[in-house]
Amino acid sequence: MERFITAGLLGAFALVLTSYGLAMSHDGKDKAAVANLATSVTMEEAIKTATAQFPGKVLEAELESEDGKLTYEVEIVNAAGEIREFEIDAQSGKIL
């Protein structure tokens, strides 16, 4: 009888650990999905806005939350090697 209780407890413990691991592995993806739903402007549109002002190669583009406001940060390098970073409002698409 004791063996069945031990096996049951081990099984329950393994299930809890597996569930926790799965929940943690999807946490970042879920946050990104929710953030994307809250924007009116896509990342591609933000990149087009930035490269229209400063033509070059995009080094990095990411969606961030600053002071509760979603913005895209787009970092560009031009042919001369100059680097500029643009902050674009994720709702209006305007450069901040």
PDB file of N, CA and C in Angstrom:
ATOM      1  N   MET A   1       0.822  -1.191   0.000  1.00  0.00           N
ATOM      2  CA  MET A   1       0.000   0.000   0.000  1.00  0.00           C
ATOM      3  C   MET A   1       0.870   1.261   0.000  1.00  0.00           C
ATOM      4  N   GLU A   2       1.918   1.220   0.819  1.00  0.00           N
ATOM      5  CA  GLU A   2       2.815   2.361   0.911  1.00  0.00           C
ATOM      6  C   GLU A   2       3.498   2.616  -0.434  1.00  0.00           C
ATOM      7  N   ARG A   3       3.778   1.550  -1.166  1.00  0.00           N
ATOM      8  CA  ARG A   3       4.424   1.664  -2.466  1.00  0.00           C
ATOM      9  C   ARG A   3       3.523   2.410  -3.453  1.00  0.00           C
ATOM     10  N   PHE A   4       2.214   2.158  -3.424  1.00  0.00           N
ATOM     11  CA  PHE A   4       1.269   2.825  -4.314  1.00  0.00           C
ATOM     12  C   PHE A   4       1.150   4.314  -3.982  1.00  0.00           C
ATOM     13  N   ILE A   5       1.178   4.626  -2.708  1.00  0.00           N
ATOM     14  CA  ILE A   5       1.102   6.026  -2.287  1.00  0.00           C
ATOM     15  C   ILE A   5       2.343   6.775  -2.752  1.00  0.00           C
ATOM     16  N   THR A   6       3.504   6.167  -2.570  1.00  0.00           N
ATOM     17  CA  THR A   6       4.754   6.788  -3.002  1.00  0.00           C
ATOM     18  C   THR A   6       4.763   6.991  -4.511  1.00  0.00           C
ATOM     19  N   ALA A   7       4.337   5.987  -5.257  1.00  0.00           N
ATOM     20  CA  ALA A   7       4.295   6.095  -6.718  1.00  0.00           C
ATOM     21  C   ALA A   7       3.318   7.188  -7.146  1.00  0.00           C
ATOM     22  N   GLY A   8       2.188   7.270  -6.490  1.00  0.00           N
ATOM     23  CA  GLY A   8       1.202   8.309  -6.804  1.00  0.00           C
ATOM     24  C   GLY A   8       1.725   9.705  -6.527  1.00  0.00           C
ATOM     25  N   LEU A   9       2.411   9.858  -5.400  1.00  0.00           N
ATOM     26  CA  LEU A   9       2.977  11.158  -5.059  1.00  0.00           C
ATOM     27  C   LEU A   9       4.075  11.565  -6.034  1.00  0.00           C
ATOM     28  N   LEU A  10       4.911  10.618  -6.420  1.00  0.00           N
ATOM     29  CA  LEU A  10       5.963  10.911  -7.397  1.00  0.00           C
ATOM     30  C   LEU A  10       5.366  11.303  -8.743  1.00  0.00           C
ATOM     31  N   GLY A  11       4.315  10.605  -9.147  1.00  0.00           N
ATOM     32  CA  GLY A  11       3.637  10.936 -10.406  1.00  0.00           C
ATOM     33  C   GLY A  11       3.024  12.329 -10.365  1.00  0.00           C
ATOM     34  N   ALA A  12       2.390  12.669  -9.260  1.00  0.00           N
ATOM     35  CA  ALA A  12       1.787  13.996  -9.109  1.00  0.00           C
ATOM     36  C   ALA A  12       2.866  15.078  -9.120  1.00  0.00           C
ATOM     37  N   PHE A  13       3.976  14.815  -8.457  1.00  0.00           N
ATOM     38  CA  PHE A  13       5.080  15.767  -8.423  1.00  0.00           C
ATOM     39  C   PHE A  13       5.652  15.990  -9.825  1.00  0.00           C
ATOM     40  N   ALA A  14       5.820  14.907 -10.581  1.00  0.00           N
ATOM     41  CA  ALA A  14       6.329  15.014 -11.950  1.00  0.00           C
ATOM     42  C   ALA A  14       5.369  15.824 -12.821  1.00  0.00           C
ATOM     43  N   LEU A  15       4.081  15.633 -12.637  1.00  0.00           N
ATOM     44  CA  LEU A  15       3.076  16.372 -13.399  1.00  0.00           C
ATOM     45  C   LEU A  15       3.144  17.865 -13.084  1.00  0.00           C
ATOM     46  N   VAL A  16       3.302  18.199 -11.825  1.00  0.00           N
ATOM     47  CA  VAL A  16       3.405  19.603 -11.421  1.00  0.00           C
ATOM     48  C   VAL A  16       4.646  20.243 -12.035  1.00  0.00           C
ATOM     49  N   LEU A  17       5.777  19.558 -11.973  1.00  0.00           N
ATOM     50  CA  LEU A  17       7.013  20.099 -12.548  1.00  0.00           C
ATOM     51  C   LEU A  17       6.896  20.289 -14.051  1.00  0.00           C
ATOM     52  N   THR A  18       6.297  19.339 -14.740  1.00  0.00           N
ATOM     53  CA  THR A  18       6.123  19.437 -16.187  1.00  0.00           C
ATOM     54  C   THR A  18       5.217  20.610 -16.536  1.00  0.00           C
ATOM     55  N   SER A  19       4.124  20.753 -15.828  1.00  0.00           N
ATOM     56  CA  SER A  19       3.190  21.855 -16.083  1.00  0.00           C
ATOM     57  C   SER A  19       3.858  23.201 -15.855  1.00  0.00           C
ATOM     58  N   TYR A  20       4.626  23.311 -14.791  1.00  0.00           N
ATOM     59  CA  TYR A  20       5.324  24.560 -14.489  1.00  0.00           C
ATOM     60  C   TYR A  20       6.332  24.887 -15.593  1.00  0.00           C
ATOM     61  N   GLY A  21       7.083  23.891 -16.033  1.00  0.00           N
ATOM     62  CA  GLY A  21       8.066  24.095 -17.094  1.00  0.00           C
ATOM     63  C   GLY A  21       7.418  24.556 -18.387  1.00  0.00           C
ATOM     64  N   LEU A  22       6.303  23.948 -18.743  1.00  0.00           N
ATOM     65  CA  LEU A  22       5.595  24.354 -19.956  1.00  0.00           C
ATOM     66  C   LEU A  22       5.057  25.772 -19.832  1.00  0.00           C
ATOM     67  N   ALA A  23       4.528  26.106 -18.693  1.00  0.00           N
ATOM     68  CA  ALA A  23       3.993  27.453 -18.485  1.00  0.00           C
ATOM     69  C   ALA A  23       5.100  28.496 -18.596  1.00  0.00           C
ATOM     70  N   MET A  24       6.247  28.219 -18.036  1.00  0.00           N
ATOM     71  CA  MET A  24       7.350  29.171 -18.075  1.00  0.00           C
ATOM     72  C   MET A  24       7.932  29.304 -19.476  1.00  0.00           C
ATOM     73  N   SER A  25       7.962  28.231 -20.251  1.00  0.00           N
ATOM     74  CA  SER A  25       8.550  28.285 -21.582  1.00  0.00           C
ATOM     75  C   SER A  25       7.690  29.077 -22.549  1.00  0.00           C
ATOM     76  N   HIS A  26       6.397  29.173 -22.310  1.00  0.00           N
ATOM     77  CA  HIS A  26       5.512  29.915 -23.207  1.00  0.00           C
ATOM     78  C   HIS A  26       5.261  31.339 -22.735  1.00  0.00           C
ATOM     79  N   ASP A  27       5.731  31.703 -21.576  1.00  0.00           N
ATOM     80  CA  ASP A  27       5.441  33.001 -20.990  1.00  0.00           C
ATOM     81  C   ASP A  27       5.886  34.153 -21.888  1.00  0.00           C
ATOM     82  N   GLY A  28       7.111  34.126 -22.389  1.00  0.00           N
ATOM     83  CA  GLY A  28       7.617  35.195 -23.237  1.00  0.00           C
ATOM     84  C   GLY A  28       6.867  35.310 -24.544  1.00  0.00           C
ATOM     85  N   LYS A  29       6.521  34.186 -25.135  1.00  0.00           N
ATOM     86  CA  LYS A  29       5.778  34.192 -26.390  1.00  0.00           C
ATOM     87  C   LYS A  29       4.391  34.771 -26.183  1.00  0.00           C
ATOM     88  N   ASP A  30       3.756  34.428 -25.089  1.00  0.00           N
ATOM     89  CA  ASP A  30       2.417  34.934 -24.810  1.00  0.00           C
ATOM     90  C   ASP A  30       2.442  36.442 -24.594  1.00  0.00           C
ATOM     91  N   LYS A  31       3.433  36.944 -23.893  1.00  0.00           N
ATOM     92  CA  LYS A  31       3.536  38.387 -23.663  1.00  0.00           C
ATOM     93  C   LYS A  31       3.733  39.120 -24.982  1.00  0.00           C
ATOM     94  N   ALA A  32       4.571  38.573 -25.864  1.00  0.00           N
ATOM     95  CA  ALA A  32       4.801  39.197 -27.163  1.00  0.00           C
ATOM     96  C   ALA A  32       3.530  39.199 -27.998  1.00  0.00           C
ATOM     97  N   ALA A  33       2.777  38.112 -27.948  1.00  0.00           N
ATOM     98  CA  ALA A  33       1.530  38.030 -28.707  1.00  0.00           C
ATOM     99  C   ALA A  33       0.525  39.056 -28.209  1.00  0.00           C
ATOM    100  N   VAL A  34       0.415  39.218 -26.906  1.00  0.00           N
ATOM    101  CA  VAL A  34      -0.508  40.206 -26.340  1.00  0.00           C
ATOM    102  C   VAL A  34      -0.064  41.614 -26.723  1.00  0.00           C
ATOM    103  N   ALA A  35       1.224  41.886 -26.667  1.00  0.00           N
ATOM    104  CA  ALA A  35       1.736  43.207 -27.030  1.00  0.00           C
ATOM    105  C   ALA A  35       1.452  43.510 -28.493  1.00  0.00           C
ATOM    106  N   ASN A  36       1.622  42.523 -29.376  1.00  0.00           N
ATOM    107  CA  ASN A  36       1.354  42.741 -30.792  1.00  0.00           C
ATOM    108  C   ASN A  36      -0.115  43.026 -31.048  1.00  0.00           C
ATOM    109  N   LEU A  37      -1.005  42.428 -30.283  1.00  0.00           N
ATOM    110  CA  LEU A  37      -2.431  42.693 -30.434  1.00  0.00           C
ATOM    111  C   LEU A  37      -2.775  44.116 -30.012  1.00  0.00           C
ATOM    112  N   ALA A  38      -1.986  44.698 -29.128  1.00  0.00           N
ATOM    113  CA  ALA A  38      -2.269  46.030 -28.598  1.00  0.00           C
ATOM    114  C   ALA A  38      -1.703  47.146 -29.472  1.00  0.00           C
ATOM    115  N   THR A  39      -1.064  46.821 -30.589  1.00  0.00           N
ATOM    116  CA  THR A  39      -0.468  47.841 -31.443  1.00  0.00           C
ATOM    117  C   THR A  39      -1.302  48.051 -32.699  1.00  0.00           C
ATOM    118  N   SER A  40      -1.293  49.287 -33.198  1.00  0.00           N
ATOM    119  CA  SER A  40      -1.956  49.611 -34.460  1.00  0.00           C
ATOM    120  C   SER A  40      -0.963  49.544 -35.610  1.00  0.00           C
ATOM    121  N   VAL A  41       0.310  49.675 -35.284  1.00  0.00           N
ATOM    122  CA  VAL A  41       1.380  49.714 -36.273  1.00  0.00           C
ATOM    123  C   VAL A  41       2.187  48.426 -36.172  1.00  0.00           C
ATOM    124  N   THR A  42       2.490  47.814 -37.311  1.00  0.00           N
ATOM    125  CA  THR A  42       3.308  46.600 -37.300  1.00  0.00           C
ATOM    126  C   THR A  42       4.787  46.977 -37.227  1.00  0.00           C
ATOM    127  N   MET A  43       5.614  45.999 -36.904  1.00  0.00           N
ATOM    128  CA  MET A  43       7.048  46.246 -36.861  1.00  0.00           C
ATOM    129  C   MET A  43       7.558  46.623 -38.250  1.00  0.00           C
ATOM    130  N   GLU A  44       7.019  45.980 -39.288  1.00  0.00           N
ATOM    131  CA  GLU A  44       7.438  46.289 -40.657  1.00  0.00           C
ATOM    132  C   GLU A  44       7.139  47.749 -41.000  1.00  0.00           C
ATOM    133  N   GLU A  45       5.982  48.242 -40.573  1.00  0.00           N
ATOM    134  CA  GLU A  45       5.626  49.644 -40.820  1.00  0.00           C
ATOM    135  C   GLU A  45       6.554  50.584 -40.058  1.00  0.00           C
ATOM    136  N   ALA A  46       6.899  50.221 -38.843  1.00  0.00           N
ATOM    137  CA  ALA A  46       7.820  51.036 -38.045  1.00  0.00           C
ATOM    138  C   ALA A  46       9.196  51.087 -38.706  1.00  0.00           C
ATOM    139  N   ILE A  47       9.638  49.962 -39.237  1.00  0.00           N
ATOM    140  CA  ILE A  47      10.931  49.916 -39.930  1.00  0.00           C
ATOM    141  C   ILE A  47      10.892  50.789 -41.180  1.00  0.00           C
ATOM    142  N   LYS A  48       9.801  50.734 -41.945  1.00  0.00           N
ATOM    143  CA  LYS A  48       9.669  51.578 -43.146  1.00  0.00           C
ATOM    144  C   LYS A  48       9.711  53.058 -42.783  1.00  0.00           C
ATOM    145  N   THR A  49       9.055  53.418 -41.693  1.00  0.00           N
ATOM    146  CA  THR A  49       9.055  54.811 -41.239  1.00  0.00           C
ATOM    147  C   THR A  49      10.473  55.262 -40.898  1.00  0.00           C
ATOM    148  N   ALA A  50      11.201  54.440 -40.180  1.00  0.00           N
ATOM    149  CA  ALA A  50      12.563  54.793 -39.770  1.00  0.00           C
ATOM    150  C   ALA A  50      13.510  54.858 -40.963  1.00  0.00           C
ATOM    151  N   THR A  51      13.434  53.875 -41.857  1.00  0.00           N
ATOM    152  CA  THR A  51      14.349  53.859 -43.006  1.00  0.00           C
ATOM    153  C   THR A  51      14.012  54.946 -44.022  1.00  0.00           C
ATOM    154  N   ALA A  52      12.790  55.463 -44.008  1.00  0.00           N
ATOM    155  CA  ALA A  52      12.448  56.595 -44.871  1.00  0.00           C
ATOM    156  C   ALA A  52      13.180  57.856 -44.398  1.00  0.00           C
ATOM    157  N   GLN A  53      13.420  57.961 -43.102  1.00  0.00           N
ATOM    158  CA  GLN A  53      14.128  59.106 -42.530  1.00  0.00           C
ATOM    159  C   GLN A  53      15.646  58.936 -42.586  1.00  0.00           C
ATOM    160  N   PHE A  54      16.098  57.699 -42.521  1.00  0.00           N
ATOM    161  CA  PHE A  54      17.533  57.411 -42.446  1.00  0.00           C
ATOM    162  C   PHE A  54      17.793  56.096 -43.176  1.00  0.00           C
ATOM    163  N   PRO A  55      17.986  56.156 -44.506  1.00  0.00           N
ATOM    164  CA  PRO A  55      18.187  54.922 -45.273  1.00  0.00           C
ATOM    165  C   PRO A  55      19.427  54.162 -44.797  1.00  0.00           C
ATOM    166  N   GLY A  56      19.293  52.854 -44.750  1.00  0.00           N
ATOM    167  CA  GLY A  56      20.405  52.013 -44.336  1.00  0.00           C
ATOM    168  C   GLY A  56      19.935  50.622 -43.979  1.00  0.00           C
ATOM    169  N   LYS A  57      20.805  49.890 -43.320  1.00  0.00           N
ATOM    170  CA  LYS A  57      20.516  48.516 -42.907  1.00  0.00           C
ATOM    171  C   LYS A  57      20.018  48.519 -41.462  1.00  0.00           C
ATOM    172  N   VAL A  58      18.930  47.803 -41.236  1.00  0.00           N
ATOM    173  CA  VAL A  58      18.377  47.706 -39.889  1.00  0.00           C
ATOM    174  C   VAL A  58      19.230  46.737 -39.074  1.00  0.00           C
ATOM    175  N   LEU A  59      19.767  47.226 -37.970  1.00  0.00           N
ATOM    176  CA  LEU A  59      20.569  46.387 -37.081  1.00  0.00           C
ATOM    177  C   LEU A  59      19.696  45.664 -36.070  1.00  0.00           C
ATOM    178  N   GLU A  60      18.666  46.379 -35.588  1.00  0.00           N
ATOM    179  CA  GLU A  60      17.804  45.807 -34.552  1.00  0.00           C
ATOM    180  C   GLU A  60      16.474  46.542 -34.558  1.00  0.00           C
ATOM    181  N   ALA A  61      15.414  45.792 -34.330  1.00  0.00           N
ATOM    182  CA  ALA A  61      14.083  46.378 -34.172  1.00  0.00           C
ATOM    183  C   ALA A  61      13.355  45.571 -33.112  1.00  0.00           C
ATOM    184  N   GLU A  62      12.763  46.284 -32.154  1.00  0.00           N
ATOM    185  CA  GLU A  62      12.055  45.577 -31.089  1.00  0.00           C
ATOM    186  C   GLU A  62      10.909  46.420 -30.558  1.00  0.00           C
ATOM    187  N   LEU A  63       9.913  45.725 -30.034  1.00  0.00           N
ATOM    188  CA  LEU A  63       8.761  46.363 -29.409  1.00  0.00           C
ATOM    189  C   LEU A  63       9.040  46.471 -27.921  1.00  0.00           C
ATOM    190  N   GLU A  64       8.892  47.691 -27.387  1.00  0.00           N
ATOM    191  CA  GLU A  64       9.165  47.912 -25.970  1.00  0.00           C
ATOM    192  C   GLU A  64       8.022  48.668 -25.323  1.00  0.00           C
ATOM    193  N   SER A  65       7.966  48.584 -24.020  1.00  0.00           N
ATOM    194  CA  SER A  65       6.992  49.341 -23.246  1.00  0.00           C
ATOM    195  C   SER A  65       7.749  50.333 -22.381  1.00  0.00           C
ATOM    196  N   GLU A  66       7.515  51.620 -22.625  1.00  0.00           N
ATOM    197  CA  GLU A  66       8.158  52.671 -21.838  1.00  0.00           C
ATOM    198  C   GLU A  66       7.077  53.521 -21.195  1.00  0.00           C
ATOM    199  N   ASP A  67       7.094  53.603 -19.907  1.00  0.00           N
ATOM    200  CA  ASP A  67       6.102  54.378 -19.154  1.00  0.00           C
ATOM    201  C   ASP A  67       4.680  53.971 -19.526  1.00  0.00           C
ATOM    202  N   GLY A  68       4.474  52.684 -19.758  1.00  0.00           N
ATOM    203  CA  GLY A  68       3.151  52.169 -20.089  1.00  0.00           C
ATOM    204  C   GLY A  68       2.738  52.398 -21.529  1.00  0.00           C
ATOM    205  N   LYS A  69       3.640  52.899 -22.362  1.00  0.00           N
ATOM    206  CA  LYS A  69       3.344  53.184 -23.763  1.00  0.00           C
ATOM    207  C   LYS A  69       4.191  52.269 -24.646  1.00  0.00           C
ATOM    208  N   LEU A  70       3.550  51.609 -25.612  1.00  0.00           N
ATOM    209  CA  LEU A  70       4.274  50.713 -26.505  1.00  0.00           C
ATOM    210  C   LEU A  70       4.957  51.510 -27.608  1.00  0.00           C
ATOM    211  N   THR A  71       6.242  51.230 -27.793  1.00  0.00           N
ATOM    212  CA  THR A  71       7.018  51.877 -28.847  1.00  0.00           C
ATOM    213  C   THR A  71       7.902  50.844 -29.530  1.00  0.00           C
ATOM    214  N   TYR A  72       8.227  51.136 -30.780  1.00  0.00           N
ATOM    215  CA  TYR A  72       9.211  50.334 -31.496  1.00  0.00           C
ATOM    216  C   TYR A  72      10.528  51.088 -31.445  1.00  0.00           C
ATOM    217  N   GLU A  73      11.604  50.372 -31.183  1.00  0.00           N
ATOM    218  CA  GLU A  73      12.940  50.945 -31.293  1.00  0.00           C
ATOM    219  C   GLU A  73      13.596  50.307 -32.503  1.00  0.00           C
ATOM    220  N   VAL A  74      14.017  51.148 -33.431  1.00  0.00           N
ATOM    221  CA  VAL A  74      14.638  50.668 -34.667  1.00  0.00           C
ATOM    222  C   VAL A  74      16.028  51.283 -34.753  1.00  0.00           C
ATOM    223  N   GLU A  75      17.040  50.439 -34.861  1.00  0.00           N
ATOM    224  CA  GLU A  75      18.428  50.886 -34.959  1.00  0.00           C
ATOM    225  C   GLU A  75      18.922  50.613 -36.376  1.00  0.00           C
ATOM    226  N   ILE A  76      19.472  51.660 -37.024  1.00  0.00           N
ATOM    227  CA  ILE A  76      19.874  51.575 -38.431  1.00  0.00           C
ATOM    228  C   ILE A  76      21.313  52.056 -38.579  1.00  0.00           C
ATOM    229  N   VAL A  77      22.056  51.413 -39.481  1.00  0.00           N
ATOM    230  CA  VAL A  77      23.393  51.875 -39.848  1.00  0.00           C
ATOM    231  C   VAL A  77      23.357  52.224 -41.339  1.00  0.00           C
ATOM    232  N   ASN A  78      23.923  53.388 -41.708  1.00  0.00           N
ATOM    233  CA  ASN A  78      23.938  53.771 -43.121  1.00  0.00           C
ATOM    234  C   ASN A  78      25.263  53.374 -43.767  1.00  0.00           C
ATOM    235  N   ALA A  79      25.417  53.713 -45.047  1.00  0.00           N
ATOM    236  CA  ALA A  79      26.608  53.321 -45.808  1.00  0.00           C
ATOM    237  C   ALA A  79      27.883  53.944 -45.240  1.00  0.00           C
ATOM    238  N   ALA A  80      27.768  55.098 -44.597  1.00  0.00           N
ATOM    239  CA  ALA A  80      28.930  55.771 -44.013  1.00  0.00           C
ATOM    240  C   ALA A  80      29.297  55.213 -42.642  1.00  0.00           C
ATOM    241  N   GLY A  81      28.498  54.272 -42.144  1.00  0.00           N
ATOM    242  CA  GLY A  81      28.772  53.670 -40.850  1.00  0.00           C
ATOM    243  C   GLY A  81      28.127  54.390 -39.677  1.00  0.00           C
ATOM    244  N   GLU A  82      27.338  55.424 -39.968  1.00  0.00           N
ATOM    245  CA  GLU A  82      26.634  56.143 -38.902  1.00  0.00           C
ATOM    246  C   GLU A  82      25.468  55.293 -38.408  1.00  0.00           C
ATOM    247  N   ILE A  83      25.264  55.311 -37.110  1.00  0.00           N
ATOM    248  CA  ILE A  83      24.173  54.533 -36.513  1.00  0.00           C
ATOM    249  C   ILE A  83      23.186  55.494 -35.870  1.00  0.00           C
ATOM    250  N   ARG A  84      21.912  55.250 -36.154  1.00  0.00           N
ATOM    251  CA  ARG A  84      20.854  56.044 -35.522  1.00  0.00           C
ATOM    252  C   ARG A  84      19.796  55.107 -34.977  1.00  0.00           C
ATOM    253  N   GLU A  85      19.200  55.553 -33.882  1.00  0.00           N
ATOM    254  CA  GLU A  85      18.118  54.788 -33.278  1.00  0.00           C
ATOM    255  C   GLU A  85      16.861  55.644 -33.299  1.00  0.00           C
ATOM    256  N   PHE A  86      15.769  55.043 -33.758  1.00  0.00           N
ATOM    257  CA  PHE A  86      14.490  55.733 -33.821  1.00  0.00           C
ATOM    258  C   PHE A  86      13.516  55.072 -32.864  1.00  0.00           C
ATOM    259  N   GLU A  87      12.711  55.907 -32.231  1.00  0.00           N
ATOM    260  CA  GLU A  87      11.649  55.419 -31.361  1.00  0.00           C
ATOM    261  C   GLU A  87      10.337  55.791 -32.050  1.00  0.00           C
ATOM    262  N   ILE A  88       9.506  54.793 -32.308  1.00  0.00           N
ATOM    263  CA  ILE A  88       8.275  54.998 -33.059  1.00  0.00           C
ATOM    264  C   ILE A  88       7.086  54.551 -32.228  1.00  0.00           C
ATOM    265  N   ASP A  89       6.094  55.426 -32.131  1.00  0.00           N
ATOM    266  CA  ASP A  89       4.874  55.129 -31.382  1.00  0.00           C
ATOM    267  C   ASP A  89       4.154  53.957 -32.042  1.00  0.00           C
ATOM    268  N   ALA A  90       3.841  52.919 -31.280  1.00  0.00           N
ATOM    269  CA  ALA A  90       3.217  51.706 -31.818  1.00  0.00           C
ATOM    270  C   ALA A  90       1.739  51.903 -32.125  1.00  0.00           C
ATOM    271  N   GLN A  91       1.152  53.011 -31.684  1.00  0.00           N
ATOM    272  CA  GLN A  91      -0.253  53.296 -31.983  1.00  0.00           C
ATOM    273  C   GLN A  91      -0.393  54.224 -33.188  1.00  0.00           C
ATOM    274  N   SER A  92       0.403  55.290 -33.224  1.00  0.00           N
ATOM    275  CA  SER A  92       0.261  56.290 -34.286  1.00  0.00           C
ATOM    276  C   SER A  92       1.239  56.092 -35.438  1.00  0.00           C
ATOM    277  N   GLY A  93       2.373  55.449 -35.179  1.00  0.00           N
ATOM    278  CA  GLY A  93       3.390  55.272 -36.206  1.00  0.00           C
ATOM    279  C   GLY A  93       4.306  56.470 -36.354  1.00  0.00           C
ATOM    280  N   LYS A  94       4.151  57.462 -35.496  1.00  0.00           N
ATOM    281  CA  LYS A  94       4.974  58.669 -35.576  1.00  0.00           C
ATOM    282  C   LYS A  94       6.294  58.477 -34.847  1.00  0.00           C
ATOM    283  N   ILE A  95       7.331  59.125 -35.389  1.00  0.00           N
ATOM    284  CA  ILE A  95       8.642  59.102 -34.745  1.00  0.00           C
ATOM    285  C   ILE A  95       8.584  60.007 -33.520  1.00  0.00           C
ATOM    286  N   LEU A  96       9.045  59.485 -32.411  1.00  0.00           N
ATOM    287  CA  LEU A  96       9.022  60.261 -31.160  1.00  0.00           C
ATOM    288  C   LEU A  96      10.337  60.992 -30.954  1.00  0.00           C
TER     289      LEU A  96
END
